[in-house]
């Protein structure tokens, strides 16, 4: 997913596996449709992106109607957050 208005080439973003362009504007839609119609963007790429988005929705607590609680397991969530942060870091080399 992009940050709001992140990126300049919607077609390249779709090809690169960016599943969701936010907020999504008419120019991006047109560029994607034109690229599909002229064959420069395989529909299989869009199908893959859509499949990943639908999978995310189907796995979400909201979709599964998971009961809301005001007493989350803060210790377990802290471990998950710490692990995600450690695994998501990027080491840049100059």
PDB file of N, CA and C in Angstrom:
ATOM      1  N   UNK A   1       0.841  -1.165   0.000  1.00  0.00           N
ATOM      2  CA  UNK A   1       0.000   0.000   0.000  1.00  0.00           C
ATOM      3  C   UNK A   1       0.890   1.232   0.000  1.00  0.00           C
ATOM      4  N   UNK A   2       0.489   2.223  -0.772  1.00  0.00           N
ATOM      5  CA  UNK A   2       1.246   3.471  -0.778  1.00  0.00           C
ATOM      6  C   UNK A   2       0.794   4.371   0.355  1.00  0.00           C
ATOM      7  N   UNK A   3       1.666   5.275   0.694  1.00  0.00           N
ATOM      8  CA  UNK A   3       1.243   6.377   1.529  1.00  0.00           C
ATOM      9  C   UNK A   3       0.354   7.242   0.636  1.00  0.00           C
ATOM     10  N   UNK A   4      -0.373   8.159   1.182  1.00  0.00           N
ATOM     11  CA  UNK A   4      -1.290   8.971   0.386  1.00  0.00           C
ATOM     12  C   UNK A   4      -0.523   9.706  -0.697  1.00  0.00           C
ATOM     13  N   UNK A   5      -0.921   9.427  -1.928  1.00  0.00           N
ATOM     14  CA  UNK A   5      -0.347  10.016  -3.142  1.00  0.00           C
ATOM     15  C   UNK A   5       1.117   9.638  -3.328  1.00  0.00           C
ATOM     16  N   UNK A   6       1.558   8.537  -2.714  1.00  0.00           N
ATOM     17  CA  UNK A   6       2.933   8.080  -2.878  1.00  0.00           C
ATOM     18  C   UNK A   6       3.127   7.438  -4.242  1.00  0.00           C
ATOM     19  N   UNK A   7       4.214   7.728  -4.870  1.00  0.00           N
ATOM     20  CA  UNK A   7       4.537   7.139  -6.172  1.00  0.00           C
ATOM     21  C   UNK A   7       4.028   7.972  -7.321  1.00  0.00           C
ATOM     22  N   UNK A   8       4.665   7.782  -8.451  1.00  0.00           N
ATOM     23  CA  UNK A   8       4.308   8.569  -9.629  1.00  0.00           C
ATOM     24  C   UNK A   8       3.873   7.708 -10.812  1.00  0.00           C
ATOM     25  N   UNK A   9       4.124   6.413 -10.748  1.00  0.00           N
ATOM     26  CA  UNK A   9       3.824   5.537 -11.884  1.00  0.00           C
ATOM     27  C   UNK A   9       2.981   4.359 -11.400  1.00  0.00           C
ATOM     28  N   UNK A  10       1.664   4.506 -11.533  1.00  0.00           N
ATOM     29  CA  UNK A  10       0.739   3.494 -11.019  1.00  0.00           C
ATOM     30  C   UNK A  10       0.970   2.128 -11.649  1.00  0.00           C
ATOM     31  N   UNK A  11       1.277   2.094 -12.923  1.00  0.00           N
ATOM     32  CA  UNK A  11       1.495   0.819 -13.608  1.00  0.00           C
ATOM     33  C   UNK A  11       2.739   0.121 -13.057  1.00  0.00           C
ATOM     34  N   UNK A  12       3.822   0.860 -12.913  1.00  0.00           N
ATOM     35  CA  UNK A  12       5.049   0.277 -12.348  1.00  0.00           C
ATOM     36  C   UNK A  12       4.799  -0.207 -10.918  1.00  0.00           C
ATOM     37  N   UNK A  13       4.006   0.533 -10.167  1.00  0.00           N
ATOM     38  CA  UNK A  13       3.706   0.132  -8.800  1.00  0.00           C
ATOM     39  C   UNK A  13       2.920  -1.183  -8.784  1.00  0.00           C
ATOM     40  N   UNK A  14       1.974  -1.330  -9.670  1.00  0.00           N
ATOM     41  CA  UNK A  14       1.199  -2.576  -9.748  1.00  0.00           C
ATOM     42  C   UNK A  14       2.112  -3.745 -10.124  1.00  0.00           C
ATOM     43  N   UNK A  15       2.989  -3.519 -11.093  1.00  0.00           N
ATOM     44  CA  UNK A  15       3.917  -4.574 -11.521  1.00  0.00           C
ATOM     45  C   UNK A  15       4.861  -4.971 -10.391  1.00  0.00           C
ATOM     46  N   UNK A  16       5.221  -3.998  -9.553  1.00  0.00           N
ATOM     47  CA  UNK A  16       6.154  -4.250  -8.459  1.00  0.00           C
ATOM     48  C   UNK A  16       5.479  -4.912  -7.259  1.00  0.00           C
ATOM     49  N   UNK A  17       4.167  -5.098  -7.342  1.00  0.00           N
ATOM     50  CA  UNK A  17       3.469  -5.775  -6.256  1.00  0.00           C
ATOM     51  C   UNK A  17       2.880  -4.839  -5.218  1.00  0.00           C
ATOM     52  N   UNK A  18       2.757  -3.570  -5.556  1.00  0.00           N
ATOM     53  CA  UNK A  18       2.084  -2.639  -4.656  1.00  0.00           C
ATOM     54  C   UNK A  18       0.583  -2.859  -4.851  1.00  0.00           C
ATOM     55  N   UNK A  19      -0.032  -3.479  -3.877  1.00  0.00           N
ATOM     56  CA  UNK A  19      -1.404  -3.946  -4.031  1.00  0.00           C
ATOM     57  C   UNK A  19      -2.459  -2.854  -3.945  1.00  0.00           C
ATOM     58  N   UNK A  20      -2.146  -1.742  -3.300  1.00  0.00           N
ATOM     59  CA  UNK A  20      -3.170  -0.740  -3.051  1.00  0.00           C
ATOM     60  C   UNK A  20      -2.570   0.653  -3.116  1.00  0.00           C
ATOM     61  N   UNK A  21      -3.060   1.449  -4.059  1.00  0.00           N
ATOM     62  CA  UNK A  21      -2.621   2.837  -4.191  1.00  0.00           C
ATOM     63  C   UNK A  21      -3.603   3.716  -3.446  1.00  0.00           C
ATOM     64  N   UNK A  22      -3.093   4.477  -2.512  1.00  0.00           N
ATOM     65  CA  UNK A  22      -3.974   5.314  -1.695  1.00  0.00           C
ATOM     66  C   UNK A  22      -3.783   6.779  -2.041  1.00  0.00           C
ATOM     67  N   UNK A  23      -4.821   7.562  -2.174  1.00  0.00           N
ATOM     68  CA  UNK A  23      -6.204   7.156  -2.011  1.00  0.00           C
ATOM     69  C   UNK A  23      -6.803   6.582  -3.291  1.00  0.00           C
ATOM     70  N   UNK A  24      -6.043   6.550  -4.352  1.00  0.00           N
ATOM     71  CA  UNK A  24      -6.558   6.079  -5.637  1.00  0.00           C
ATOM     72  C   UNK A  24      -7.257   7.223  -6.345  1.00  0.00           C
ATOM     73  N   UNK A  25      -6.689   7.658  -7.434  1.00  0.00           N
ATOM     74  CA  UNK A  25      -7.267   8.785  -8.174  1.00  0.00           C
ATOM     75  C   UNK A  25      -7.568   8.354  -9.606  1.00  0.00           C
ATOM     76  N   UNK A  26      -8.388   9.137 -10.264  1.00  0.00           N
ATOM     77  CA  UNK A  26      -8.846   8.800 -11.616  1.00  0.00           C
ATOM     78  C   UNK A  26      -7.687   8.582 -12.585  1.00  0.00           C
ATOM     79  N   UNK A  27      -6.630   9.394 -12.471  1.00  0.00           N
ATOM     80  CA  UNK A  27      -5.483   9.250 -13.374  1.00  0.00           C
ATOM     81  C   UNK A  27      -4.785   7.905 -13.217  1.00  0.00           C
ATOM     82  N   UNK A  28      -4.706   7.411 -11.983  1.00  0.00           N
ATOM     83  CA  UNK A  28      -4.102   6.102 -11.749  1.00  0.00           C
ATOM     84  C   UNK A  28      -4.972   5.004 -12.354  1.00  0.00           C
ATOM     85  N   UNK A  29      -6.260   5.102 -12.145  1.00  0.00           N
ATOM     86  CA  UNK A  29      -7.184   4.114 -12.710  1.00  0.00           C
ATOM     87  C   UNK A  29      -7.060   4.074 -14.222  1.00  0.00           C
ATOM     88  N   UNK A  30      -7.034   5.250 -14.844  1.00  0.00           N
ATOM     89  CA  UNK A  30      -6.920   5.311 -16.295  1.00  0.00           C
ATOM     90  C   UNK A  30      -5.607   4.698 -16.770  1.00  0.00           C
ATOM     91  N   UNK A  31      -4.516   5.031 -16.104  1.00  0.00           N
ATOM     92  CA  UNK A  31      -3.205   4.497 -16.495  1.00  0.00           C
ATOM     93  C   UNK A  31      -3.193   2.976 -16.390  1.00  0.00           C
ATOM     94  N   UNK A  32      -3.768   2.439 -15.331  1.00  0.00           N
ATOM     95  CA  UNK A  32      -3.800   0.985 -15.136  1.00  0.00           C
ATOM     96  C   UNK A  32      -4.671   0.326 -16.190  1.00  0.00           C
ATOM     97  N   UNK A  33      -5.850   0.880 -16.426  1.00  0.00           N
ATOM     98  CA  UNK A  33      -6.746   0.306 -17.448  1.00  0.00           C
ATOM     99  C   UNK A  33      -6.119   0.379 -18.834  1.00  0.00           C
ATOM    100  N   UNK A  34      -5.503   1.515 -19.170  1.00  0.00           N
ATOM    101  CA  UNK A  34      -4.832   1.651 -20.470  1.00  0.00           C
ATOM    102  C   UNK A  34      -3.721   0.618 -20.611  1.00  0.00           C
ATOM    103  N   UNK A  35      -2.943   0.415 -19.551  1.00  0.00           N
ATOM    104  CA  UNK A  35      -1.840  -0.545 -19.598  1.00  0.00           C
ATOM    105  C   UNK A  35      -2.353  -1.973 -19.747  1.00  0.00           C
ATOM    106  N   UNK A  36      -3.446  -2.301 -19.096  1.00  0.00           N
ATOM    107  CA  UNK A  36      -4.038  -3.633 -19.260  1.00  0.00           C
ATOM    108  C   UNK A  36      -4.533  -3.786 -20.698  1.00  0.00           C
ATOM    109  N   UNK A  37      -5.216  -2.773 -21.189  1.00  0.00           N
ATOM    110  CA  UNK A  37      -5.783  -2.845 -22.543  1.00  0.00           C
ATOM    111  C   UNK A  37      -4.720  -2.897 -23.634  1.00  0.00           C
ATOM    112  N   UNK A  38      -3.563  -2.246 -23.413  1.00  0.00           N
ATOM    113  CA  UNK A  38      -2.523  -2.288 -24.452  1.00  0.00           C
ATOM    114  C   UNK A  38      -1.516  -3.419 -24.226  1.00  0.00           C
ATOM    115  N   UNK A  39      -1.732  -4.195 -23.165  1.00  0.00           N
ATOM    116  CA  UNK A  39      -0.893  -5.366 -22.929  1.00  0.00           C
ATOM    117  C   UNK A  39       0.384  -5.115 -22.158  1.00  0.00           C
ATOM    118  N   UNK A  40       0.628  -3.873 -21.732  1.00  0.00           N
ATOM    119  CA  UNK A  40       1.869  -3.602 -21.015  1.00  0.00           C
ATOM    120  C   UNK A  40       1.771  -3.940 -19.520  1.00  0.00           C
ATOM    121  N   UNK A  41       0.570  -4.199 -19.035  1.00  0.00           N
ATOM    122  CA  UNK A  41       0.378  -4.652 -17.653  1.00  0.00           C
ATOM    123  C   UNK A  41      -0.444  -5.929 -17.700  1.00  0.00           C
ATOM    124  N   UNK A  42       0.183  -7.056 -17.391  1.00  0.00           N
ATOM    125  CA  UNK A  42      -0.556  -8.320 -17.427  1.00  0.00           C
ATOM    126  C   UNK A  42      -1.674  -8.340 -16.381  1.00  0.00           C
ATOM    127  N   UNK A  43      -2.833  -8.793 -16.798  1.00  0.00           N
ATOM    128  CA  UNK A  43      -3.959  -8.900 -15.871  1.00  0.00           C
ATOM    129  C   UNK A  43      -3.602  -9.834 -14.715  1.00  0.00           C
ATOM    130  N   UNK A  44      -2.690 -10.757 -14.951  1.00  0.00           N
ATOM    131  CA  UNK A  44      -2.248 -11.666 -13.885  1.00  0.00           C
ATOM    132  C   UNK A  44      -1.619 -10.889 -12.727  1.00  0.00           C
ATOM    133  N   UNK A  45      -0.921  -9.793 -13.025  1.00  0.00           N
ATOM    134  CA  UNK A  45      -0.344  -8.969 -11.961  1.00  0.00           C
ATOM    135  C   UNK A  45      -1.444  -8.366 -11.094  1.00  0.00           C
ATOM    136  N   UNK A  46      -2.480  -7.861 -11.730  1.00  0.00           N
ATOM    137  CA  UNK A  46      -3.593  -7.280 -10.975  1.00  0.00           C
ATOM    138  C   UNK A  46      -4.347  -8.351 -10.196  1.00  0.00           C
ATOM    139  N   UNK A  47      -4.487  -9.528 -10.793  1.00  0.00           N
ATOM    140  CA  UNK A  47      -5.148 -10.626 -10.082  1.00  0.00           C
ATOM    141  C   UNK A  47      -4.372 -11.005  -8.825  1.00  0.00           C
ATOM    142  N   UNK A  48      -3.059 -11.030  -8.929  1.00  0.00           N
ATOM    143  CA  UNK A  48      -2.223 -11.332  -7.767  1.00  0.00           C
ATOM    144  C   UNK A  48      -2.401 -10.270  -6.693  1.00  0.00           C
ATOM    145  N   UNK A  49      -2.372  -8.993  -7.103  1.00  0.00           N
ATOM    146  CA  UNK A  49      -2.559  -7.901  -6.148  1.00  0.00           C
ATOM    147  C   UNK A  49      -3.928  -8.004  -5.476  1.00  0.00           C
ATOM    148  N   UNK A  50      -4.956  -8.248  -6.258  1.00  0.00           N
ATOM    149  CA  UNK A  50      -6.318  -8.352  -5.721  1.00  0.00           C
ATOM    150  C   UNK A  50      -6.437  -9.553  -4.777  1.00  0.00           C
ATOM    151  N   UNK A  51      -5.821 -10.660  -5.141  1.00  0.00           N
ATOM    152  CA  UNK A  51      -5.876 -11.852  -4.296  1.00  0.00           C
ATOM    153  C   UNK A  51      -5.241 -11.582  -2.929  1.00  0.00           C
ATOM    154  N   UNK A  52      -4.127 -10.878  -2.933  1.00  0.00           N
ATOM    155  CA  UNK A  52      -3.471 -10.567  -1.653  1.00  0.00           C
ATOM    156  C   UNK A  52      -4.346  -9.649  -0.793  1.00  0.00           C
ATOM    157  N   UNK A  53      -5.013  -8.686  -1.429  1.00  0.00           N
ATOM    158  CA  UNK A  53      -5.895  -7.796  -0.673  1.00  0.00           C
ATOM    159  C   UNK A  53      -7.092  -8.539  -0.104  1.00  0.00           C
ATOM    160  N   UNK A  54      -7.705  -9.384  -0.913  1.00  0.00           N
ATOM    161  CA  UNK A  54      -8.861 -10.147  -0.437  1.00  0.00           C
ATOM    162  C   UNK A  54      -8.438 -11.090   0.688  1.00  0.00           C
ATOM    163  N   UNK A  55      -7.292 -11.711   0.556  1.00  0.00           N
ATOM    164  CA  UNK A  55      -6.785 -12.594   1.615  1.00  0.00           C
ATOM    165  C   UNK A  55      -6.603 -11.823   2.912  1.00  0.00           C
ATOM    166  N   UNK A  56      -6.060 -10.618   2.821  1.00  0.00           N
ATOM    167  CA  UNK A  56      -5.880  -9.780   4.007  1.00  0.00           C
ATOM    168  C   UNK A  56      -7.227  -9.471   4.668  1.00  0.00           C
ATOM    169  N   UNK A  57      -8.206  -9.113   3.864  1.00  0.00           N
ATOM    170  CA  UNK A  57      -9.539  -8.816   4.406  1.00  0.00           C
ATOM    171  C   UNK A  57     -10.136 -10.049   5.067  1.00  0.00           C
ATOM    172  N   UNK A  58     -10.037 -11.194   4.403  1.00  0.00           N
ATOM    173  CA  UNK A  58     -10.629 -12.416   4.939  1.00  0.00           C
ATOM    174  C   UNK A  58      -9.966 -12.869   6.240  1.00  0.00           C
ATOM    175  N   UNK A  59      -8.730 -12.492   6.452  1.00  0.00           N
ATOM    176  CA  UNK A  59      -8.015 -12.847   7.680  1.00  0.00           C
ATOM    177  C   UNK A  59      -8.208 -11.817   8.788  1.00  0.00           C
ATOM    178  N   UNK A  60      -8.817 -10.691   8.481  1.00  0.00           N
ATOM    179  CA  UNK A  60      -8.923  -9.607   9.455  1.00  0.00           C
ATOM    180  C   UNK A  60      -9.891  -9.934  10.577  1.00  0.00           C
ATOM    181  N   UNK A  61      -9.616  -9.439  11.762  1.00  0.00           N
ATOM    182  CA  UNK A  61     -10.519  -9.658  12.887  1.00  0.00           C
ATOM    183  C   UNK A  61     -11.932  -9.117  12.620  1.00  0.00           C
ATOM    184  N   UNK A  62     -12.018  -8.002  11.922  1.00  0.00           N
ATOM    185  CA  UNK A  62     -13.341  -7.438  11.626  1.00  0.00           C
ATOM    186  C   UNK A  62     -14.160  -8.393  10.771  1.00  0.00           C
ATOM    187  N   UNK A  63     -13.549  -8.939   9.737  1.00  0.00           N
ATOM    188  CA  UNK A  63     -14.266  -9.865   8.864  1.00  0.00           C
ATOM    189  C   UNK A  63     -14.664 -11.131   9.615  1.00  0.00           C
ATOM    190  N   UNK A  64     -13.768 -11.588  10.490  1.00  0.00           N
ATOM    191  CA  UNK A  64     -14.039 -12.808  11.253  1.00  0.00           C
ATOM    192  C   UNK A  64     -14.973 -12.553  12.436  1.00  0.00           C
ATOM    193  N   UNK A  65     -15.343 -11.280  12.610  1.00  0.00           N
ATOM    194  CA  UNK A  65     -16.242 -10.888  13.701  1.00  0.00           C
ATOM    195  C   UNK A  65     -15.667 -11.260  15.075  1.00  0.00           C
ATOM    196  N   UNK A  66     -14.359 -11.044  15.217  1.00  0.00           N
ATOM    197  CA  UNK A  66     -13.688 -11.288  16.482  1.00  0.00           C
ATOM    198  C   UNK A  66     -14.224 -10.308  17.518  1.00  0.00           C
ATOM    199  N   UNK A  67     -14.521 -10.801  18.683  1.00  0.00           N
ATOM    200  CA  UNK A  67     -15.074  -9.963  19.736  1.00  0.00           C
ATOM    201  C   UNK A  67     -14.069  -8.895  20.154  1.00  0.00           C
ATOM    202  N   UNK A  68     -14.556  -7.683  20.324  1.00  0.00           N
ATOM    203  CA  UNK A  68     -13.738  -6.564  20.779  1.00  0.00           C
ATOM    204  C   UNK A  68     -13.495  -6.689  22.278  1.00  0.00           C
ATOM    205  N   UNK A  69     -12.299  -6.284  22.693  1.00  0.00           N
ATOM    206  CA  UNK A  69     -11.997  -6.281  24.120  1.00  0.00           C
ATOM    207  C   UNK A  69     -11.241  -5.012  24.478  1.00  0.00           C
ATOM    208  N   UNK A  70     -11.518  -4.499  25.646  1.00  0.00           N
ATOM    209  CA  UNK A  70     -10.758  -3.368  26.169  1.00  0.00           C
ATOM    210  C   UNK A  70      -9.621  -3.839  27.066  1.00  0.00           C
ATOM    211  N   UNK A  71      -9.353  -5.144  27.042  1.00  0.00           N
ATOM    212  CA  UNK A  71      -8.280  -5.707  27.857  1.00  0.00           C
ATOM    213  C   UNK A  71      -7.357  -6.561  26.976  1.00  0.00           C
ATOM    214  N   UNK A  72      -6.640  -5.893  26.051  1.00  0.00           N
ATOM    215  CA  UNK A  72      -5.748  -6.648  25.175  1.00  0.00           C
ATOM    216  C   UNK A  72      -4.570  -7.234  25.949  1.00  0.00           C
ATOM    217  N   UNK A  73      -3.976  -8.246  25.376  1.00  0.00           N
ATOM    218  CA  UNK A  73      -2.795  -8.873  25.971  1.00  0.00           C
ATOM    219  C   UNK A  73      -1.579  -8.014  25.599  1.00  0.00           C
ATOM    220  N   UNK A  74      -1.303  -7.011  26.405  1.00  0.00           N
ATOM    221  CA  UNK A  74      -0.253  -6.044  26.079  1.00  0.00           C
ATOM    222  C   UNK A  74       1.131  -6.679  26.004  1.00  0.00           C
ATOM    223  N   UNK A  75       1.399  -7.657  26.830  1.00  0.00           N
ATOM    224  CA  UNK A  75       2.707  -8.313  26.808  1.00  0.00           C
ATOM    225  C   UNK A  75       2.910  -9.052  25.479  1.00  0.00           C
ATOM    226  N   UNK A  76       1.903  -9.807  25.045  1.00  0.00           N
ATOM    227  CA  UNK A  76       1.999 -10.535  23.775  1.00  0.00           C
ATOM    228  C   UNK A  76       2.097  -9.559  22.606  1.00  0.00           C
ATOM    229  N   UNK A  77       1.334  -8.467  22.658  1.00  0.00           N
ATOM    230  CA  UNK A  77       1.365  -7.480  21.577  1.00  0.00           C
ATOM    231  C   UNK A  77       2.723  -6.782  21.518  1.00  0.00           C
ATOM    232  N   UNK A  78       3.331  -6.546  22.675  1.00  0.00           N
ATOM    233  CA  UNK A  78       4.652  -5.934  22.699  1.00  0.00           C
ATOM    234  C   UNK A  78       5.681  -6.838  22.033  1.00  0.00           C
ATOM    235  N   UNK A  79       5.576  -8.129  22.261  1.00  0.00           N
ATOM    236  CA  UNK A  79       6.499  -9.089  21.636  1.00  0.00           C
ATOM    237  C   UNK A  79       6.313  -9.082  20.120  1.00  0.00           C
ATOM    238  N   UNK A  80       5.069  -9.098  19.683  1.00  0.00           N
ATOM    239  CA  UNK A  80       4.785  -9.071  18.238  1.00  0.00           C
ATOM    240  C   UNK A  80       5.318  -7.783  17.624  1.00  0.00           C
ATOM    241  N   UNK A  81       5.070  -6.655  18.272  1.00  0.00           N
ATOM    242  CA  UNK A  81       5.533  -5.360  17.754  1.00  0.00           C
ATOM    243  C   UNK A  81       7.052  -5.306  17.671  1.00  0.00           C
ATOM    244  N   UNK A  82       7.706  -5.792  18.692  1.00  0.00           N
ATOM    245  CA  UNK A  82       9.170  -5.782  18.721  1.00  0.00           C
ATOM    246  C   UNK A  82       9.737  -6.672  17.618  1.00  0.00           C
ATOM    247  N   UNK A  83       9.128  -7.838  17.439  1.00  0.00           N
ATOM    248  CA  UNK A  83       9.584  -8.767  16.399  1.00  0.00           C
ATOM    249  C   UNK A  83       9.375  -8.157  15.015  1.00  0.00           C
ATOM    250  N   UNK A  84       8.204  -7.565  14.793  1.00  0.00           N
ATOM    251  CA  UNK A  84       7.918  -6.946  13.490  1.00  0.00           C
ATOM    252  C   UNK A  84       8.891  -5.814  13.200  1.00  0.00           C
ATOM    253  N   UNK A  85       9.182  -5.005  14.207  1.00  0.00           N
ATOM    254  CA  UNK A  85      10.121  -3.902  14.017  1.00  0.00           C
ATOM    255  C   UNK A  85      11.519  -4.420  13.681  1.00  0.00           C
ATOM    256  N   UNK A  86      11.947  -5.446  14.385  1.00  0.00           N
ATOM    257  CA  UNK A  86      13.285  -6.003  14.142  1.00  0.00           C
ATOM    258  C   UNK A  86      13.374  -6.631  12.756  1.00  0.00           C
ATOM    259  N   UNK A  87      12.322  -7.350  12.355  1.00  0.00           N
ATOM    260  CA  UNK A  87      12.348  -8.017  11.050  1.00  0.00           C
ATOM    261  C   UNK A  87      12.118  -7.038   9.896  1.00  0.00           C
ATOM    262  N   UNK A  88      11.525  -5.894  10.190  1.00  0.00           N
ATOM    263  CA  UNK A  88      11.200  -4.941   9.148  1.00  0.00           C
ATOM    264  C   UNK A  88      12.251  -3.868   8.941  1.00  0.00           C
ATOM    265  N   UNK A  89      13.302  -3.892   9.726  1.00  0.00           N
ATOM    266  CA  UNK A  89      14.307  -2.854   9.581  1.00  0.00           C
ATOM    267  C   UNK A  89      15.083  -3.055   8.281  1.00  0.00           C
ATOM    268  N   UNK A  90      15.596  -1.953   7.801  1.00  0.00           N
ATOM    269  CA  UNK A  90      16.384  -1.970   6.575  1.00  0.00           C
ATOM    270  C   UNK A  90      17.733  -1.362   6.887  1.00  0.00           C
ATOM    271  N   UNK A  91      18.767  -2.083   6.530  1.00  0.00           N
ATOM    272  CA  UNK A  91      20.127  -1.596   6.746  1.00  0.00           C
ATOM    273  C   UNK A  91      20.612  -0.974   5.445  1.00  0.00           C
ATOM    274  N   UNK A  92      20.900   0.292   5.516  1.00  0.00           N
ATOM    275  CA  UNK A  92      21.380   1.005   4.334  1.00  0.00           C
ATOM    276  C   UNK A  92      22.898   1.117   4.391  1.00  0.00           C
ATOM    277  N   UNK A  93      23.520   0.875   3.261  1.00  0.00           N
ATOM    278  CA  UNK A  93      24.965   0.961   3.196  1.00  0.00           C
ATOM    279  C   UNK A  93      25.327   2.115   2.264  1.00  0.00           C
ATOM    280  N   UNK A  94      26.222   2.936   2.706  1.00  0.00           N
ATOM    281  CA  UNK A  94      26.609   4.094   1.905  1.00  0.00           C
ATOM    282  C   UNK A  94      27.712   3.741   0.951  1.00  0.00           C
TER     283      UNK A  94
END
